[in-house]
Amino acid sequence: MTNKFFPEEQITENDLYFLCYMIERVARKLHQKNKYVVNAIPKDEWVRLISLANVLHCENPLKIEEEWIEEYKLAKGNFDITDVDLELVDEIPSETQIGKVYTRLILSTLQPEEVQPEEDYIDGMIRVYNDEICETLDNYNSSAYYEPSYVITRAYNHGGF
């Protein structure tokens, strides 16, 4: 995948990870599901954001959260991913941990038609965040997010755990 602004640079897996991490941060701040954030931002903006990720990751994440919320007019919701049964959950996974889970899932399930310049990671990201498996991964009362990557990929490919 080629960077939209610097054609001599390639988009990396770290750029995709940065977007997944920020999606998680923004969704948690707004009390929304990740799917909301992904679908509220147009695809062409995601292409722009992944092309800027190598620069944006140097910024303060709080600043980027606020910029995304303001620029894309993201609204507060009533879904609190951190509202868990404390008898089942010792520790809520961090935004970085969940960003890595989603990044690995996107990369391991890229479709042949998604392997095209500028849009492969974005198409995969939109597809994965709109899949029903997210309901399970984002339920921290279960251990699905904690499973090895190949187990999560297999569950995705077979329609669930």
C-alpha atoms as a PDB file:
ATOM      1  CA  MET A   1       0.000   0.000   0.000  1.00  0.00           C
ATOM      2  CA  THR A   2       1.440   3.325  -1.081  1.00  0.00           C
ATOM      3  CA  ASN A   3       1.253   6.484   0.979  1.00  0.00           C
ATOM      4  CA  LYS A   4      -1.227   8.926  -0.581  1.00  0.00           C
ATOM      5  CA  PHE A   5       0.985  11.961   0.076  1.00  0.00           C
ATOM      6  CA  PHE A   6       4.424  10.433  -0.349  1.00  0.00           C
ATOM      7  CA  PRO A   7       4.258   7.850  -3.171  1.00  0.00           C
ATOM      8  CA  GLU A   8       7.810   6.695  -2.449  1.00  0.00           C
ATOM      9  CA  GLU A   9       6.732   5.592   1.054  1.00  0.00           C
ATOM     10  CA  GLN A  10       4.745   2.482   1.864  1.00  0.00           C
ATOM     11  CA  ILE A  11       1.948   2.260   4.408  1.00  0.00           C
ATOM     12  CA  THR A  12       3.039  -0.152   7.127  1.00  0.00           C
ATOM     13  CA  GLU A  13       1.332  -2.452   9.583  1.00  0.00           C
ATOM     14  CA  ASN A  14       2.277   0.071  12.280  1.00  0.00           C
ATOM     15  CA  ASP A  15       0.214   2.710  10.470  1.00  0.00           C
ATOM     16  CA  LEU A  16      -2.789   0.366  10.565  1.00  0.00           C
ATOM     17  CA  TYR A  17      -2.113  -0.344  14.241  1.00  0.00           C
ATOM     18  CA  PHE A  18      -2.110   3.392  14.972  1.00  0.00           C
ATOM     19  CA  LEU A  19      -5.601   3.728  13.441  1.00  0.00           C
ATOM     20  CA  CYS A  20      -6.919   0.727  15.399  1.00  0.00           C
ATOM     21  CA  TYR A  21      -5.462   2.139  18.607  1.00  0.00           C
ATOM     22  CA  MET A  22      -7.019   5.548  17.986  1.00  0.00           C
ATOM     23  CA  ILE A  23     -10.386   4.017  17.053  1.00  0.00           C
ATOM     24  CA  GLU A  24     -10.373   2.260  20.426  1.00  0.00           C
ATOM     25  CA  ARG A  25      -9.401   5.460  22.276  1.00  0.00           C
ATOM     26  CA  VAL A  26     -12.057   7.587  20.592  1.00  0.00           C
ATOM     27  CA  ALA A  27     -14.772   4.953  21.022  1.00  0.00           C
ATOM     28  CA  ARG A  28     -14.014   4.602  24.722  1.00  0.00           C
ATOM     29  CA  LYS A  29     -13.974   8.364  25.243  1.00  0.00           C
ATOM     30  CA  LEU A  30     -17.338   8.785  23.504  1.00  0.00           C
ATOM     31  CA  HIS A  31     -18.920   5.662  25.016  1.00  0.00           C
ATOM     32  CA  GLN A  32     -19.516   4.312  21.520  1.00  0.00           C
ATOM     33  CA  LYS A  33     -18.723   1.031  19.826  1.00  0.00           C
ATOM     34  CA  ASN A  34     -15.695   0.916  17.558  1.00  0.00           C
ATOM     35  CA  LYS A  35     -17.997   0.278  14.622  1.00  0.00           C
ATOM     36  CA  TYR A  36     -19.571   3.700  15.136  1.00  0.00           C
ATOM     37  CA  VAL A  37     -16.211   5.479  14.854  1.00  0.00           C
ATOM     38  CA  VAL A  38     -15.195   3.462  11.785  1.00  0.00           C
ATOM     39  CA  ASN A  39     -18.493   4.097   9.988  1.00  0.00           C
ATOM     40  CA  ALA A  40     -18.755   7.778  10.962  1.00  0.00           C
ATOM     41  CA  ILE A  41     -15.535   8.640   9.155  1.00  0.00           C
ATOM     42  CA  PRO A  42     -15.706   8.364   5.346  1.00  0.00           C
ATOM     43  CA  LYS A  43     -13.443   5.863   3.590  1.00  0.00           C
ATOM     44  CA  ASP A  44     -11.482   8.570   1.761  1.00  0.00           C
ATOM     45  CA  GLU A  45     -10.706  10.137   5.143  1.00  0.00           C
ATOM     46  CA  TRP A  46      -9.438   6.787   6.437  1.00  0.00           C
ATOM     47  CA  VAL A  47      -7.108   6.631   3.422  1.00  0.00           C
ATOM     48  CA  ARG A  48      -5.889  10.119   4.306  1.00  0.00           C
ATOM     49  CA  LEU A  49      -5.475   9.235   7.994  1.00  0.00           C
ATOM     50  CA  ILE A  50      -3.489   6.066   7.334  1.00  0.00           C
ATOM     51  CA  SER A  51      -1.238   8.043   5.002  1.00  0.00           C
ATOM     52  CA  LEU A  52      -0.627  10.528   7.831  1.00  0.00           C
ATOM     53  CA  ALA A  53      -0.277   7.893  10.554  1.00  0.00           C
ATOM     54  CA  ASN A  54       3.531   7.872  10.465  1.00  0.00           C
ATOM     55  CA  VAL A  55       3.403  11.566  11.461  1.00  0.00           C
ATOM     56  CA  LEU A  56       0.301  11.498  13.686  1.00  0.00           C
ATOM     57  CA  HIS A  57       1.696   8.805  15.954  1.00  0.00           C
ATOM     58  CA  CYS A  58       4.180  11.406  17.214  1.00  0.00           C
ATOM     59  CA  GLU A  59       1.334  13.664  18.361  1.00  0.00           C
ATOM     60  CA  ASN A  60      -0.347  13.549  21.750  1.00  0.00           C
ATOM     61  CA  PRO A  61      -3.156  10.955  21.447  1.00  0.00           C
ATOM     62  CA  LEU A  62      -5.472  13.191  23.494  1.00  0.00           C
ATOM     63  CA  LYS A  63      -5.059  15.915  20.870  1.00  0.00           C
ATOM     64  CA  ILE A  64      -5.817  13.494  18.046  1.00  0.00           C
ATOM     65  CA  GLU A  65      -8.900  12.206  19.896  1.00  0.00           C
ATOM     66  CA  GLU A  66     -10.246  15.749  20.165  1.00  0.00           C
ATOM     67  CA  GLU A  67      -9.427  16.545  16.537  1.00  0.00           C
ATOM     68  CA  TRP A  68     -11.244  13.435  15.274  1.00  0.00           C
ATOM     69  CA  ILE A  69     -14.269  14.096  17.484  1.00  0.00           C
ATOM     70  CA  GLU A  70     -14.510  17.694  16.310  1.00  0.00           C
ATOM     71  CA  GLU A  71     -13.582  17.208  12.650  1.00  0.00           C
ATOM     72  CA  TYR A  72     -15.886  14.231  12.053  1.00  0.00           C
ATOM     73  CA  LYS A  73     -18.620  15.451  14.418  1.00  0.00           C
ATOM     74  CA  LEU A  74     -18.580  12.253  16.463  1.00  0.00           C
ATOM     75  CA  ALA A  75     -21.296  12.080  19.102  1.00  0.00           C
ATOM     76  CA  LYS A  76     -21.371  10.702  22.619  1.00  0.00           C
ATOM     77  CA  GLY A  77     -23.183   7.442  23.152  1.00  0.00           C
ATOM     78  CA  ASN A  78     -24.140   5.217  26.058  1.00  0.00           C
ATOM     79  CA  PHE A  79     -21.997   2.108  25.484  1.00  0.00           C
ATOM     80  CA  ASP A  80     -19.289   1.708  28.112  1.00  0.00           C
ATOM     81  CA  ILE A  81     -16.897  -1.041  27.116  1.00  0.00           C
ATOM     82  CA  THR A  82     -15.268  -0.836  30.541  1.00  0.00           C
ATOM     83  CA  ASP A  83     -18.518  -1.690  32.355  1.00  0.00           C
ATOM     84  CA  VAL A  84     -17.605  -5.277  33.213  1.00  0.00           C
ATOM     85  CA  ASP A  85     -18.397  -7.849  35.875  1.00  0.00           C
ATOM     86  CA  LEU A  86     -15.481  -7.426  38.270  1.00  0.00           C
ATOM     87  CA  GLU A  87     -15.825 -11.048  39.378  1.00  0.00           C
ATOM     88  CA  LEU A  88     -15.022 -12.144  35.818  1.00  0.00           C
ATOM     89  CA  VAL A  89     -12.493  -9.506  34.830  1.00  0.00           C
ATOM     90  CA  ASP A  90      -9.299  -8.775  36.739  1.00  0.00           C
ATOM     91  CA  GLU A  91      -8.044  -6.119  34.360  1.00  0.00           C
ATOM     92  CA  ILE A  92      -9.622  -4.325  31.417  1.00  0.00           C
ATOM     93  CA  PRO A  93      -7.384  -4.537  28.343  1.00  0.00           C
ATOM     94  CA  SER A  94      -5.771  -1.274  27.306  1.00  0.00           C
ATOM     95  CA  GLU A  95      -6.403   0.580  24.071  1.00  0.00           C
ATOM     96  CA  THR A  96      -2.992  -0.544  22.849  1.00  0.00           C
ATOM     97  CA  GLN A  97      -3.774  -4.201  23.550  1.00  0.00           C
ATOM     98  CA  ILE A  98      -7.115  -4.091  21.734  1.00  0.00           C
ATOM     99  CA  GLY A  99      -5.574  -2.082  18.889  1.00  0.00           C
ATOM    100  CA  LYS A 100      -3.103  -4.943  18.412  1.00  0.00           C
ATOM    101  CA  VAL A 101      -5.891  -7.556  18.473  1.00  0.00           C
ATOM    102  CA  TYR A 102      -7.786  -5.753  15.707  1.00  0.00           C
ATOM    103  CA  THR A 103      -4.646  -5.063  13.676  1.00  0.00           C
ATOM    104  CA  ARG A 104      -3.674  -8.740  13.689  1.00  0.00           C
ATOM    105  CA  LEU A 105      -7.224  -9.762  12.744  1.00  0.00           C
ATOM    106  CA  ILE A 106      -7.351  -7.303   9.843  1.00  0.00           C
ATOM    107  CA  LEU A 107      -3.955  -8.415   8.533  1.00  0.00           C
ATOM    108  CA  SER A 108      -4.731 -12.122   8.845  1.00  0.00           C
ATOM    109  CA  THR A 109      -8.041 -11.807   6.989  1.00  0.00           C
ATOM    110  CA  LEU A 110      -7.168  -9.457   4.120  1.00  0.00           C
ATOM    111  CA  GLN A 111      -9.162 -10.513   1.067  1.00  0.00           C
ATOM    112  CA  PRO A 112      -7.622 -10.814  -2.427  1.00  0.00           C
ATOM    113  CA  GLU A 113      -9.713  -7.881  -3.673  1.00  0.00           C
ATOM    114  CA  GLU A 114      -8.391  -5.748  -0.794  1.00  0.00           C
ATOM    115  CA  VAL A 115      -4.814  -6.024  -1.987  1.00  0.00           C
ATOM    116  CA  GLN A 116      -4.737  -2.881  -4.101  1.00  0.00           C
ATOM    117  CA  PRO A 117      -2.810   0.340  -3.695  1.00  0.00           C
ATOM    118  CA  GLU A 118      -3.990   2.840  -1.076  1.00  0.00           C
ATOM    119  CA  GLU A 119      -7.062   0.979   0.134  1.00  0.00           C
ATOM    120  CA  ASP A 120      -6.228  -2.588   1.167  1.00  0.00           C
ATOM    121  CA  TYR A 121      -5.811  -1.964   4.893  1.00  0.00           C
ATOM    122  CA  ILE A 122      -8.748   0.424   4.970  1.00  0.00           C
ATOM    123  CA  ASP A 123     -11.102  -2.025   3.233  1.00  0.00           C
ATOM    124  CA  GLY A 124     -10.001  -4.731   5.657  1.00  0.00           C
ATOM    125  CA  MET A 125     -10.440  -2.413   8.622  1.00  0.00           C
ATOM    126  CA  ILE A 126     -13.973  -1.426   7.615  1.00  0.00           C
ATOM    127  CA  ARG A 127     -14.898  -5.068   6.946  1.00  0.00           C
ATOM    128  CA  VAL A 128     -13.572  -6.353  10.276  1.00  0.00           C
ATOM    129  CA  TYR A 129     -15.019  -3.593  12.464  1.00  0.00           C
ATOM    130  CA  ASN A 130     -18.435  -4.196  10.877  1.00  0.00           C
ATOM    131  CA  ASP A 131     -18.375  -7.940  11.533  1.00  0.00           C
ATOM    132  CA  GLU A 132     -20.400  -9.578  14.303  1.00  0.00           C
ATOM    133  CA  ILE A 133     -17.226 -10.972  15.872  1.00  0.00           C
ATOM    134  CA  CYS A 134     -16.590  -7.503  17.315  1.00  0.00           C
ATOM    135  CA  GLU A 135     -19.497  -8.004  19.716  1.00  0.00           C
ATOM    136  CA  THR A 136     -17.614 -10.959  21.181  1.00  0.00           C
ATOM    137  CA  LEU A 137     -14.149  -9.385  21.089  1.00  0.00           C
ATOM    138  CA  ASP A 138     -15.447  -6.233  22.768  1.00  0.00           C
ATOM    139  CA  ASN A 139     -17.164  -8.150  25.566  1.00  0.00           C
ATOM    140  CA  TYR A 140     -14.427  -8.152  28.172  1.00  0.00           C
ATOM    141  CA  ASN A 141     -16.465 -10.459  30.403  1.00  0.00           C
ATOM    142  CA  SER A 142     -15.351 -13.186  28.018  1.00  0.00           C
ATOM    143  CA  SER A 143     -11.780 -14.009  27.155  1.00  0.00           C
ATOM    144  CA  ALA A 144     -12.165 -13.879  23.380  1.00  0.00           C
ATOM    145  CA  TYR A 145      -9.890 -10.853  22.958  1.00  0.00           C
ATOM    146  CA  TYR A 146      -7.224 -12.755  24.904  1.00  0.00           C
ATOM    147  CA  GLU A 147      -7.181 -15.772  22.589  1.00  0.00           C
ATOM    148  CA  PRO A 148      -4.179 -16.324  20.295  1.00  0.00           C
ATOM    149  CA  SER A 149      -4.426 -14.560  16.931  1.00  0.00           C
ATOM    150  CA  TYR A 150      -4.938 -17.786  14.982  1.00  0.00           C
ATOM    151  CA  VAL A 151      -7.936 -18.684  17.172  1.00  0.00           C
ATOM    152  CA  ILE A 152      -9.521 -15.272  16.620  1.00  0.00           C
ATOM    153  CA  THR A 153      -8.853 -15.518  12.866  1.00  0.00           C
ATOM    154  CA  ARG A 154     -10.395 -18.989  12.722  1.00  0.00           C
ATOM    155  CA  ALA A 155     -13.442 -17.752  14.661  1.00  0.00           C
ATOM    156  CA  TYR A 156     -13.775 -14.829  12.243  1.00  0.00           C
ATOM    157  CA  ASN A 157     -13.548 -17.122   9.219  1.00  0.00           C
ATOM    158  CA  HIS A 158     -16.104 -19.549  10.681  1.00  0.00           C
ATOM    159  CA  GLY A 159     -18.598 -16.922  11.814  1.00  0.00           C
ATOM    160  CA  GLY A 160     -17.929 -16.956  15.550  1.00  0.00           C
ATOM    161  CA  PHE A 161     -16.263 -18.648  18.490  1.00  0.00           C
END
